[in-house]
């Protein structure tokens, strides 16, 4: 229920509504409008390539080496984003915050980015789409991308003064997620309404629970 409702203070209760899909309470790190169905990639690690393996010390002896390292990172990141574009990936959903160079090339190659998803949000998206987060690319940035989900739409949504992300996914089951937008004059009223609705849904869930004979 926590991932399927959003509370908005400062609006009349009559403004409450139900929206298809998911509403993520954060803004796009990069937004590139795209029409129709789009492929979405779930990641749990930074896409900026590392200069050394974990536990290995990387030593830079001069400013020239430092600049060369930055150029290498930039080229690798651009190559990865180009690979996503050629695989028709239009949306990147990230569990972690991505580096500025990733955001820069995502905008350049038409890939929208949403960062810092919670583990609960990622788990819900995986359940809806049947897709697991993409394994780290490492040195193989040209491998085939098969872990992509399908989003039917992805657009900005303004709730009060907060910019959010509204996404619809093609579900692999009968579960078609909808998000409840609860509006009220103050946060306390919204919390009361949310608690009452959650209890009502819990009661209905118990009422219609399958009884093993």
Protein backbone atom coordinates (compact mmCIF):
# COMPACT_ATOMS: atom_id res chain seq x y z
CA UNK A 1 0.00 0.00 0.00
CA UNK A 2 2.86 2.40 0.76
CA UNK A 3 4.06 2.21 -2.87
CA UNK A 4 0.54 2.43 -4.31
CA UNK A 5 -0.65 5.67 -2.76
CA UNK A 6 0.59 9.25 -2.58
CA UNK A 7 -0.61 11.95 -0.17
CA UNK A 8 -0.85 15.58 -1.25
CA UNK A 9 -1.45 18.27 1.37
CA UNK A 10 -2.97 21.66 0.60
CA UNK A 11 -5.64 20.45 -1.83
CA UNK A 12 -9.34 19.71 -1.20
CA UNK A 13 -10.34 16.11 -0.52
CA UNK A 14 -12.46 16.19 -3.71
CA UNK A 15 -9.22 16.37 -5.72
CA UNK A 16 -8.36 12.80 -4.70
CA UNK A 17 -8.29 10.35 -7.60
CA UNK A 18 -7.05 6.99 -8.84
CA UNK A 19 -4.36 6.89 -11.54
CA UNK A 20 -3.35 3.83 -13.57
CA UNK A 21 0.26 2.73 -13.13
CA UNK A 22 2.78 3.83 -10.51
CA UNK A 23 3.58 7.28 -9.15
CA UNK A 24 7.19 7.67 -7.97
CA UNK A 25 7.63 10.56 -5.53
CA UNK A 26 10.72 12.04 -7.17
CA UNK A 27 11.57 14.04 -10.29
CA UNK A 28 13.39 12.82 -13.39
CA UNK A 29 17.17 13.15 -13.27
CA UNK A 30 16.86 13.29 -17.08
CA UNK A 31 13.65 13.46 -19.08
CA UNK A 32 13.46 12.71 -22.80
CA UNK A 33 9.83 12.54 -24.01
CA UNK A 34 9.01 9.40 -25.98
CA UNK A 35 5.72 8.22 -27.40
CA UNK A 36 4.25 4.73 -27.45
CA UNK A 37 5.65 1.73 -25.64
CA UNK A 38 9.22 2.05 -24.43
CA UNK A 39 11.76 -0.38 -23.04
CA UNK A 40 12.91 0.24 -19.47
CA UNK A 41 16.10 -1.02 -17.83
CA UNK A 42 16.35 -1.59 -14.07
CA UNK A 43 19.80 -1.16 -12.50
CA UNK A 44 21.07 -1.35 -8.94
CA UNK A 45 24.63 -0.11 -9.44
CA UNK A 46 26.31 3.00 -10.89
CA UNK A 47 26.77 2.88 -14.68
CA UNK A 48 29.86 5.09 -14.61
CA UNK A 49 32.76 2.72 -15.29
CA UNK A 50 35.29 2.20 -12.51
CA UNK A 51 38.97 2.78 -13.17
CA UNK A 52 39.95 -0.20 -11.04
CA UNK A 53 38.39 -3.35 -9.63
CA UNK A 54 37.10 -3.31 -6.02
CA UNK A 55 39.97 -3.48 -3.57
CA UNK A 56 42.52 -2.44 -6.20
CA UNK A 57 44.29 0.89 -5.72
CA UNK A 58 44.42 3.17 -8.76
CA UNK A 59 47.36 5.58 -8.68
CA UNK A 60 47.53 8.73 -10.84
CA UNK A 61 51.04 10.18 -11.14
CA UNK A 62 50.31 13.30 -13.17
CA UNK A 63 47.61 15.68 -14.29
CA UNK A 64 47.92 14.22 -17.78
CA UNK A 65 47.09 10.74 -16.48
CA UNK A 66 44.15 12.18 -14.54
CA UNK A 67 42.74 13.88 -17.63
CA UNK A 68 43.28 10.74 -19.68
CA UNK A 69 41.36 8.77 -17.06
CA UNK A 70 38.44 11.22 -17.23
CA UNK A 71 38.42 10.97 -21.02
CA UNK A 72 38.36 7.16 -20.81
CA UNK A 73 35.41 7.27 -18.39
CA UNK A 74 33.58 9.71 -20.66
CA UNK A 75 34.13 7.56 -23.77
CA UNK A 76 33.04 4.36 -22.02
CA UNK A 77 29.92 6.02 -20.63
CA UNK A 78 29.01 7.40 -24.04
CA UNK A 79 29.52 3.98 -25.61
CA UNK A 80 27.22 2.42 -23.00
CA UNK A 81 24.49 5.00 -23.58
CA UNK A 82 24.84 4.51 -27.32
CA UNK A 83 24.37 0.79 -26.71
CA UNK A 84 21.19 1.47 -24.73
CA UNK A 85 19.88 3.67 -27.52
CA UNK A 86 20.58 1.01 -30.16
CA UNK A 87 18.70 -1.51 -27.96
CA UNK A 88 15.72 0.88 -27.88
CA UNK A 89 16.08 1.50 -24.14
CA UNK A 90 14.26 4.76 -23.42
CA UNK A 91 14.01 4.62 -19.62
CA UNK A 92 16.56 3.87 -16.91
CA UNK A 93 15.24 3.09 -13.42
CA UNK A 94 18.10 3.18 -10.91
CA UNK A 95 18.28 2.04 -7.30
CA UNK A 96 21.30 4.34 -6.77
CA UNK A 97 22.21 7.88 -7.75
CA UNK A 98 24.05 8.00 -11.07
CA UNK A 99 27.08 10.13 -11.86
CA UNK A 100 26.69 13.43 -13.72
CA UNK A 101 28.46 11.98 -16.78
CA UNK A 102 25.77 9.27 -16.99
CA UNK A 103 23.00 11.88 -16.83
CA UNK A 104 24.77 13.99 -19.47
CA UNK A 105 24.97 11.16 -22.02
CA UNK A 106 21.50 9.88 -21.12
CA UNK A 107 20.07 13.25 -22.20
CA UNK A 108 22.26 13.21 -25.30
CA UNK A 109 21.04 9.74 -26.36
CA UNK A 110 17.38 10.18 -25.44
CA UNK A 111 17.24 8.02 -22.30
CA UNK A 112 15.09 9.22 -19.39
CA UNK A 113 16.54 8.51 -15.93
CA UNK A 114 14.83 8.07 -12.56
CA UNK A 115 17.24 7.66 -9.64
CA UNK A 116 17.18 6.53 -6.01
CA UNK A 117 14.24 4.15 -6.15
CA UNK A 118 13.63 2.36 -2.88
CA UNK A 119 14.13 -1.38 -2.60
CA UNK A 120 10.34 -1.72 -2.16
CA UNK A 121 9.65 0.20 -5.38
CA UNK A 122 12.17 -1.88 -7.30
CA UNK A 123 10.66 -5.10 -5.92
CA UNK A 124 7.16 -3.96 -6.94
CA UNK A 125 8.29 -3.09 -10.47
CA UNK A 126 10.00 -6.48 -10.76
CA UNK A 127 6.79 -8.20 -9.61
CA UNK A 128 4.67 -6.29 -12.12
CA UNK A 129 6.96 -6.74 -15.11
CA UNK A 130 8.57 -10.09 -14.32
CA UNK A 131 11.96 -8.53 -15.06
CA UNK A 132 15.00 -8.59 -12.77
CA UNK A 133 17.51 -5.72 -12.46
CA UNK A 134 20.18 -5.76 -15.13
CA UNK A 135 23.50 -7.33 -14.14
CA UNK A 136 26.49 -4.94 -14.10
CA UNK A 137 27.93 -4.38 -17.57
CA UNK A 138 31.57 -4.41 -16.49
CA UNK A 139 33.85 -4.57 -19.52
CA UNK A 140 31.18 -6.13 -21.75
CA UNK A 141 29.18 -3.03 -22.66
CA UNK A 142 28.17 -4.50 -26.02
CA UNK A 143 26.38 -7.59 -24.67
CA UNK A 144 22.76 -8.18 -25.61
CA UNK A 145 20.25 -6.55 -23.28
CA UNK A 146 17.46 -9.02 -22.50
CA UNK A 147 16.32 -7.82 -19.06
CA UNK A 148 14.23 -4.87 -20.23
CA UNK A 149 10.68 -4.20 -19.06
CA UNK A 150 8.00 -2.57 -21.20
CA UNK A 151 6.43 0.72 -20.11
CA UNK A 152 3.23 1.90 -21.81
CA UNK A 153 3.86 5.51 -20.78
CA UNK A 154 6.31 7.58 -18.75
CA UNK A 155 5.65 11.24 -18.01
CA UNK A 156 6.09 13.97 -15.40
CA UNK A 157 3.27 14.49 -12.90
CA UNK A 158 2.78 17.50 -10.65
CA UNK A 159 1.20 16.72 -7.26
CA UNK A 160 0.73 20.01 -5.45
CA UNK A 161 4.19 21.54 -5.64
CA UNK A 162 6.06 18.24 -5.97
CA UNK A 163 7.25 16.94 -9.33
CA UNK A 164 6.76 13.18 -9.65
CA UNK A 165 7.19 10.43 -12.22
CA UNK A 166 4.10 8.63 -13.54
CA UNK A 167 4.81 5.28 -15.20
CA UNK A 168 2.58 2.56 -16.60
CA UNK A 169 3.95 -0.95 -17.10
CA UNK A 170 2.81 -3.94 -19.12
CA UNK A 171 2.00 -6.48 -16.41
CA UNK A 172 2.86 -10.16 -16.74
CA UNK A 173 -0.07 -11.16 -14.50
CA UNK A 174 -3.66 -10.17 -13.78
CA UNK A 175 -2.37 -7.52 -11.37
CA UNK A 176 -2.86 -4.10 -12.97
CA UNK A 177 -1.38 -1.52 -10.57
CA UNK A 178 -3.19 1.73 -9.88
CA UNK A 179 -2.05 4.52 -7.58
CA UNK A 180 -4.36 6.29 -5.14
CA UNK A 181 -3.79 10.05 -4.90
CA UNK A 182 -5.07 11.23 -1.51
CA UNK A 183 -5.63 14.97 -1.18
CA UNK A 184 -6.44 16.91 1.98
CA UNK A 185 -5.98 20.32 3.57
CA UNK A 186 -3.21 19.16 5.92
CA UNK A 187 -0.87 16.18 6.18
CA UNK A 188 -2.61 14.86 9.30
CA UNK A 189 -5.92 14.44 7.47
CA UNK A 190 -4.20 12.57 4.65
CA UNK A 191 -2.52 10.25 7.13
CA UNK A 192 -5.87 9.45 8.74
CA UNK A 193 -7.48 8.75 5.37
CA UNK A 194 -4.54 6.59 4.27
CA UNK A 195 -4.66 4.55 7.49
CA UNK A 196 -8.43 4.03 7.17
CA UNK A 197 -8.13 2.94 3.54
CA UNK A 198 -5.29 0.57 4.28
CA UNK A 199 -7.35 -1.07 7.03
CA UNK A 200 -10.31 -1.35 4.63
CA UNK A 201 -8.15 -2.99 1.97
CA UNK A 202 -6.72 -5.37 4.57
CA UNK A 203 -10.24 -6.33 5.63
CA UNK A 204 -11.27 -6.94 2.01
CA UNK A 205 -8.14 -8.99 1.45
CA UNK A 206 -9.00 -11.19 4.41
CA UNK A 207 -12.64 -11.42 3.31
CA UNK A 208 -11.77 -12.68 -0.16
CA UNK A 209 -8.81 -14.79 0.89
CA UNK A 210 -8.92 -18.28 -0.57
CA UNK A 211 -9.75 -20.88 2.04
CA UNK A 212 -7.98 -24.20 1.59
CA UNK A 213 -10.46 -27.07 1.89
